[in-house]
Amino acid sequence: MKKTNTILDKILSDKALEVEAAKKRCPLSYSAVIAKRKTKVRDFLKALGEPGKLRVMAEIKKASPSAGLIRPDFDHMKIAAEYQASGLVDAISILTENKYFQGKLEFIREIKEITTIPLFRKDFIFDEYQIYESYSAEADALLLIAAALEPEQLKHLLEVTHSLGLQALVETHSREEIEMTLSAGAKIIGINARDLKTFEMRKDIFSQLAQYVPKDCVKVAESGLEDAEDVKRVYDAGANAVLIGTSIMKAKNIKEKIQELVGI
């Protein structure tokens, strides 16, 4: 992991302790994990990259360090069912980090039983153990954060992810991180409007950085997408997909909010 004295560094430090505890509590035989998975991997790359329209990845998130408690009546199964039934969601992002986002890894397997679209594990992943853990939990894809990883570490984690048939969305926040991500072999590149080192928001960053992502990669705009104008701005700048969490989680009517965001 990269070491920086930031909010991200604090989260990663806590996560490292959690991962070490998990390794002791629940050691994984990687070959056994592969053999025991119950469901086929759903095609996350196709779900987000299929041409013809902007693809939507809607998030299941109870809280965050920047917003605090987002949805007091949080019910991950009800939200997932609404996403599935809407016909407007192409993939579901599931926060599994507990301390800062109040998520649980178990959410993935539970949601898998009531959905047919790909499920994305959103967490702070830096260890090979977490990738096999994600596979075992029935995730179809996972998040890797360029700002949290060294180049060789990112390359290795991507190779392990792809070897299992999973996909990774690699999150970036600068041209240098995009270049590192491309060198590592990423196929899906996220550009996050929120700087995870400071948690400050820059809504113009996708428009500035999208030009550095090749056309054969899937470009995902993340964070700060609050209304149809925000979504249209990133779509016009070349986004293949959007990852939207807080604005949907705050809405009283989830389907109506998604319709508003995508201009229906």
Protein backbone atom coordinates (compact mmCIF):
# COMPACT_ATOMS: atom_id res chain seq x y z
CA MET A 1 0.00 0.00 0.00
CA LYS A 2 1.01 3.58 -0.54
CA LYS A 3 1.56 5.53 2.67
CA THR A 4 0.16 9.05 2.81
CA ASN A 5 -0.94 10.98 5.86
CA THR A 6 -4.53 11.42 4.67
CA ILE A 7 -8.08 10.27 5.36
CA LEU A 8 -7.52 7.47 2.84
CA ASP A 9 -4.41 6.38 4.71
CA LYS A 10 -6.36 6.18 7.98
CA ILE A 11 -9.05 4.03 6.35
CA LEU A 12 -6.42 1.75 4.79
CA SER A 13 -4.59 1.40 8.09
CA ASP A 14 -7.77 0.29 9.83
CA LYS A 15 -8.62 -2.01 6.94
CA ALA A 16 -5.19 -3.66 7.13
CA LEU A 17 -5.84 -4.61 10.75
CA GLU A 18 -9.24 -5.98 9.74
CA VAL A 19 -7.78 -8.07 6.92
CA GLU A 20 -5.09 -9.56 9.17
CA ALA A 21 -7.76 -10.48 11.72
CA ALA A 22 -9.88 -12.06 8.98
CA LYS A 23 -6.93 -14.15 7.77
CA LYS A 24 -6.54 -15.59 11.26
CA ARG A 25 -10.24 -16.05 11.89
CA CYS A 26 -11.09 -17.41 8.45
CA PRO A 27 -8.06 -18.70 6.53
CA LEU A 28 -8.86 -19.27 2.87
CA SER A 29 -7.72 -22.18 0.76
CA TYR A 30 -7.72 -20.40 -2.58
CA SER A 31 -8.31 -23.59 -4.56
CA ALA A 32 -11.22 -24.47 -2.28
CA VAL A 33 -12.70 -21.00 -2.77
CA ILE A 34 -12.71 -21.52 -6.53
CA ALA A 35 -14.31 -24.94 -6.22
CA LYS A 36 -17.03 -23.86 -3.81
CA ARG A 37 -18.44 -20.82 -5.60
CA LYS A 38 -22.12 -21.49 -6.23
CA THR A 39 -22.94 -19.03 -9.03
CA LYS A 40 -21.43 -18.15 -12.36
CA VAL A 41 -19.69 -14.80 -12.66
CA ARG A 42 -21.98 -12.23 -14.26
CA ASP A 43 -20.44 -10.14 -17.05
CA PHE A 44 -19.69 -6.80 -15.41
CA LEU A 45 -17.56 -5.56 -18.32
CA LYS A 46 -20.35 -6.13 -20.82
CA ALA A 47 -22.97 -4.64 -18.49
CA LEU A 48 -21.11 -1.34 -18.26
CA GLY A 49 -19.49 -1.23 -21.67
CA GLU A 50 -22.24 -2.30 -24.05
CA PRO A 51 -22.78 0.57 -26.51
CA GLY A 52 -26.04 2.32 -27.18
CA LYS A 53 -26.74 4.24 -24.00
CA LEU A 54 -25.22 5.41 -20.75
CA ARG A 55 -25.03 2.51 -18.30
CA VAL A 56 -25.99 2.93 -14.65
CA MET A 57 -24.34 1.33 -11.62
CA ALA A 58 -26.44 2.18 -8.59
CA GLU A 59 -24.98 1.90 -5.13
CA ILE A 60 -26.14 0.38 -1.87
CA LYS A 61 -24.61 2.54 0.86
CA LYS A 62 -25.85 3.30 4.35
CA ALA A 63 -23.25 5.86 5.42
CA SER A 64 -19.96 7.52 4.45
CA PRO A 65 -17.20 9.52 6.15
CA SER A 66 -18.19 12.68 4.25
CA ALA A 67 -21.99 12.45 4.56
CA GLY A 68 -22.46 10.49 7.79
CA LEU A 69 -25.67 8.44 7.94
CA ILE A 70 -27.21 8.66 4.49
CA ARG A 71 -30.28 6.44 4.72
CA PRO A 72 -31.75 5.90 8.22
CA ASP A 73 -34.29 3.32 6.99
CA PHE A 74 -31.56 1.34 5.22
CA ASP A 75 -32.61 -2.13 3.98
CA HIS A 76 -30.10 -3.55 1.50
CA MET A 77 -32.46 -6.24 0.22
CA LYS A 78 -35.32 -3.83 -0.41
CA ILE A 79 -33.02 -1.40 -2.20
CA ALA A 80 -31.54 -4.17 -4.36
CA ALA A 81 -35.03 -5.38 -5.27
CA GLU A 82 -35.99 -1.84 -6.31
CA TYR A 83 -32.88 -1.55 -8.47
CA GLN A 84 -33.60 -4.86 -10.16
CA ALA A 85 -37.28 -4.07 -10.72
CA SER A 86 -36.62 -0.60 -12.13
CA GLY A 87 -35.11 -1.94 -15.34
CA LEU A 88 -32.79 1.08 -15.30
CA VAL A 89 -29.83 -0.34 -13.36
CA ASP A 90 -27.15 -2.30 -15.19
CA ALA A 91 -25.03 -3.24 -12.15
CA ILE A 92 -25.19 -2.80 -8.38
CA SER A 93 -22.35 -1.43 -6.28
CA ILE A 94 -22.39 -2.78 -2.73
CA LEU A 95 -20.39 -1.08 0.03
CA THR A 96 -18.90 -3.82 2.19
CA GLU A 97 -16.60 -1.67 4.38
CA ASN A 98 -18.04 -1.64 7.90
CA LYS A 99 -16.27 0.92 10.08
CA TYR A 100 -16.71 3.98 7.86
CA PHE A 101 -19.60 2.97 5.56
CA GLN A 102 -21.58 0.52 7.74
CA GLY A 103 -21.50 -2.15 5.03
CA LYS A 104 -21.14 -5.92 5.27
CA LEU A 105 -19.57 -8.50 2.97
CA GLU A 106 -22.60 -10.73 3.53
CA PHE A 107 -24.76 -8.26 1.61
CA ILE A 108 -23.34 -9.54 -1.70
CA ARG A 109 -24.41 -13.15 -1.32
CA GLU A 110 -27.84 -12.15 -0.02
CA ILE A 111 -28.44 -9.74 -2.89
CA LYS A 112 -27.20 -12.30 -5.40
CA GLU A 113 -30.23 -14.45 -4.62
CA ILE A 114 -32.76 -11.81 -5.70
CA THR A 115 -31.01 -10.20 -8.69
CA THR A 116 -29.78 -11.08 -12.16
CA ILE A 117 -27.45 -8.13 -12.84
CA PRO A 118 -23.72 -7.99 -11.93
CA LEU A 119 -22.71 -7.16 -8.36
CA PHE A 120 -19.67 -4.98 -7.64
CA ARG A 121 -17.84 -5.09 -4.31
CA LYS A 122 -16.87 -1.57 -3.26
CA ASP A 123 -14.26 -1.68 -0.53
CA PHE A 124 -10.61 -0.86 0.13
CA ILE A 125 -8.80 -3.79 -1.47
CA PHE A 126 -5.01 -4.19 -1.42
CA ASP A 127 -4.43 -7.85 -0.54
CA GLU A 128 -4.82 -10.99 -2.66
CA TYR A 129 -6.81 -12.47 0.23
CA GLN A 130 -9.55 -9.86 -0.34
CA ILE A 131 -9.90 -10.86 -3.99
CA TYR A 132 -10.53 -14.51 -3.14
CA GLU A 133 -12.78 -13.31 -0.33
CA SER A 134 -14.76 -11.32 -2.92
CA TYR A 135 -14.99 -14.32 -5.23
CA SER A 136 -16.20 -16.51 -2.37
CA ALA A 137 -18.80 -13.88 -1.42
CA GLU A 138 -20.26 -14.14 -4.97
CA ALA A 139 -19.06 -10.74 -6.20
CA ASP A 140 -18.74 -10.35 -9.98
CA ALA A 141 -16.36 -7.38 -9.84
CA LEU A 142 -14.44 -5.35 -7.31
CA LEU A 143 -12.86 -1.97 -6.74
CA LEU A 144 -9.13 -1.23 -6.85
CA ILE A 145 -8.03 2.30 -5.95
CA ALA A 146 -4.94 3.54 -7.78
CA ALA A 147 -4.14 6.07 -5.05
CA ALA A 148 -3.86 3.24 -2.52
CA LEU A 149 -1.59 0.93 -4.51
CA GLU A 150 1.91 0.78 -5.90
CA PRO A 151 2.15 0.06 -9.67
CA GLU A 152 3.37 -3.55 -9.31
CA GLN A 153 0.81 -4.22 -6.60
CA LEU A 154 -2.01 -2.97 -8.82
CA LYS A 155 -0.77 -5.09 -11.73
CA HIS A 156 -0.65 -8.22 -9.55
CA LEU A 157 -4.11 -7.66 -8.07
CA LEU A 158 -5.57 -7.11 -11.53
CA GLU A 159 -3.99 -10.34 -12.78
CA VAL A 160 -5.43 -12.32 -9.86
CA THR A 161 -8.84 -10.71 -10.35
CA HIS A 162 -8.94 -11.50 -14.07
CA SER A 163 -7.65 -15.06 -13.48
CA LEU A 164 -10.81 -15.75 -11.47
CA GLY A 165 -13.06 -14.40 -14.21
CA LEU A 166 -13.88 -11.29 -12.17
CA GLN A 167 -13.51 -7.72 -13.37
CA ALA A 168 -12.04 -4.73 -11.56
CA LEU A 169 -12.98 -1.10 -11.78
CA VAL A 170 -9.76 0.81 -11.12
CA GLU A 171 -10.46 4.19 -9.60
CA THR A 172 -8.31 7.18 -10.56
CA HIS A 173 -8.12 10.86 -9.76
CA SER A 174 -5.25 12.15 -11.92
CA ARG A 175 -3.59 11.69 -15.31
CA GLU A 176 -0.64 9.95 -13.61
CA GLU A 177 -2.98 7.43 -11.95
CA ILE A 178 -4.71 6.77 -15.28
CA GLU A 179 -1.34 6.05 -16.92
CA MET A 180 -0.39 3.70 -14.08
CA THR A 181 -3.74 1.96 -14.37
CA LEU A 182 -3.41 1.46 -18.12
CA SER A 183 0.11 0.06 -17.70
CA ALA A 184 -1.26 -2.42 -15.19
CA GLY A 185 -3.78 -3.76 -17.72
CA ALA A 186 -7.06 -2.26 -16.52
CA LYS A 187 -10.12 -2.57 -18.75
CA ILE A 188 -12.55 -0.48 -16.67
CA ILE A 189 -11.34 2.89 -15.42
CA GLY A 190 -13.25 5.03 -12.97
CA ILE A 191 -12.64 8.75 -12.59
CA ASN A 192 -13.73 9.85 -9.15
CA ALA A 193 -14.86 13.43 -8.57
CA ARG A 194 -14.15 12.95 -4.86
CA ASP A 195 -10.50 13.07 -3.85
CA LEU A 196 -10.17 10.23 -1.34
CA LYS A 197 -7.13 11.86 0.23
CA THR A 198 -9.03 15.01 1.23
CA PHE A 199 -12.67 14.01 0.48
CA GLU A 200 -13.07 17.25 -1.47
CA MET A 201 -15.35 17.21 -4.53
CA ARG A 202 -14.39 18.41 -8.02
CA LYS A 203 -17.26 17.92 -10.43
CA ASP A 204 -15.21 18.99 -13.45
CA ILE A 205 -12.55 16.31 -13.10
CA PHE A 206 -14.16 13.69 -15.37
CA SER A 207 -14.33 16.17 -18.24
CA GLN A 208 -10.65 17.01 -17.70
CA LEU A 209 -9.33 13.45 -17.47
CA ALA A 210 -11.57 11.34 -19.73
CA GLN A 211 -9.51 12.28 -22.79
CA TYR A 212 -6.59 10.27 -21.38
CA VAL A 213 -8.57 7.01 -21.24
CA PRO A 214 -8.47 5.03 -24.54
CA LYS A 215 -11.71 4.30 -26.36
CA ASP A 216 -11.31 0.56 -25.87
CA CYS A 217 -11.58 0.99 -22.09
CA VAL A 218 -14.86 1.44 -20.23
CA LYS A 219 -14.96 4.90 -18.64
CA VAL A 220 -16.97 5.26 -15.43
CA ALA A 221 -17.81 8.61 -13.83
CA GLU A 222 -17.96 8.38 -10.04
CA SER A 223 -19.26 10.67 -7.28
CA GLY A 224 -20.93 14.06 -7.31
CA LEU A 225 -23.75 13.03 -9.65
CA GLU A 226 -26.75 14.67 -8.05
CA ASP A 227 -29.06 15.52 -10.96
CA ALA A 228 -29.65 15.04 -14.69
CA GLU A 229 -27.36 17.97 -15.52
CA ASP A 230 -24.44 16.29 -13.73
CA VAL A 231 -25.09 13.02 -15.55
CA LYS A 232 -25.41 14.72 -18.94
CA ARG A 233 -22.11 16.53 -18.38
CA VAL A 234 -20.12 13.32 -17.89
CA TYR A 235 -21.99 11.53 -20.68
CA ASP A 236 -21.10 14.34 -23.10
CA ALA A 237 -17.48 14.03 -21.92
CA GLY A 238 -17.40 10.35 -22.91
CA ALA A 239 -18.61 8.34 -19.93
CA ASN A 240 -19.80 4.82 -20.75
CA ALA A 241 -21.29 4.43 -17.29
CA VAL A 242 -22.00 6.29 -14.07
CA LEU A 243 -21.64 5.10 -10.49
CA ILE A 244 -24.25 6.86 -8.34
CA GLY A 245 -24.72 6.36 -4.63
CA THR A 246 -25.56 9.18 -2.23
CA SER A 247 -28.13 11.03 -4.36
CA ILE A 248 -30.12 7.80 -4.87
CA MET A 249 -29.75 6.72 -1.25
CA LYS A 250 -31.14 10.06 -0.05
CA ALA A 251 -34.18 9.88 -2.33
CA LYS A 252 -37.59 8.95 -0.95
CA ASN A 253 -38.52 7.27 -4.24
CA ILE A 254 -35.56 5.38 -5.68
CA LYS A 255 -37.02 4.63 -9.12
CA GLU A 256 -38.14 8.21 -9.66
CA LYS A 257 -34.68 9.48 -8.70
CA ILE A 258 -32.96 7.16 -11.16
CA GLN A 259 -35.42 8.22 -13.87
CA GLU A 260 -34.61 11.85 -13.10
CA LEU A 261 -30.86 11.22 -13.23
CA VAL A 262 -30.94 9.47 -16.61
CA GLY A 263 -33.43 11.91 -18.10
CA ILE A 264 -36.48 9.68 -18.38
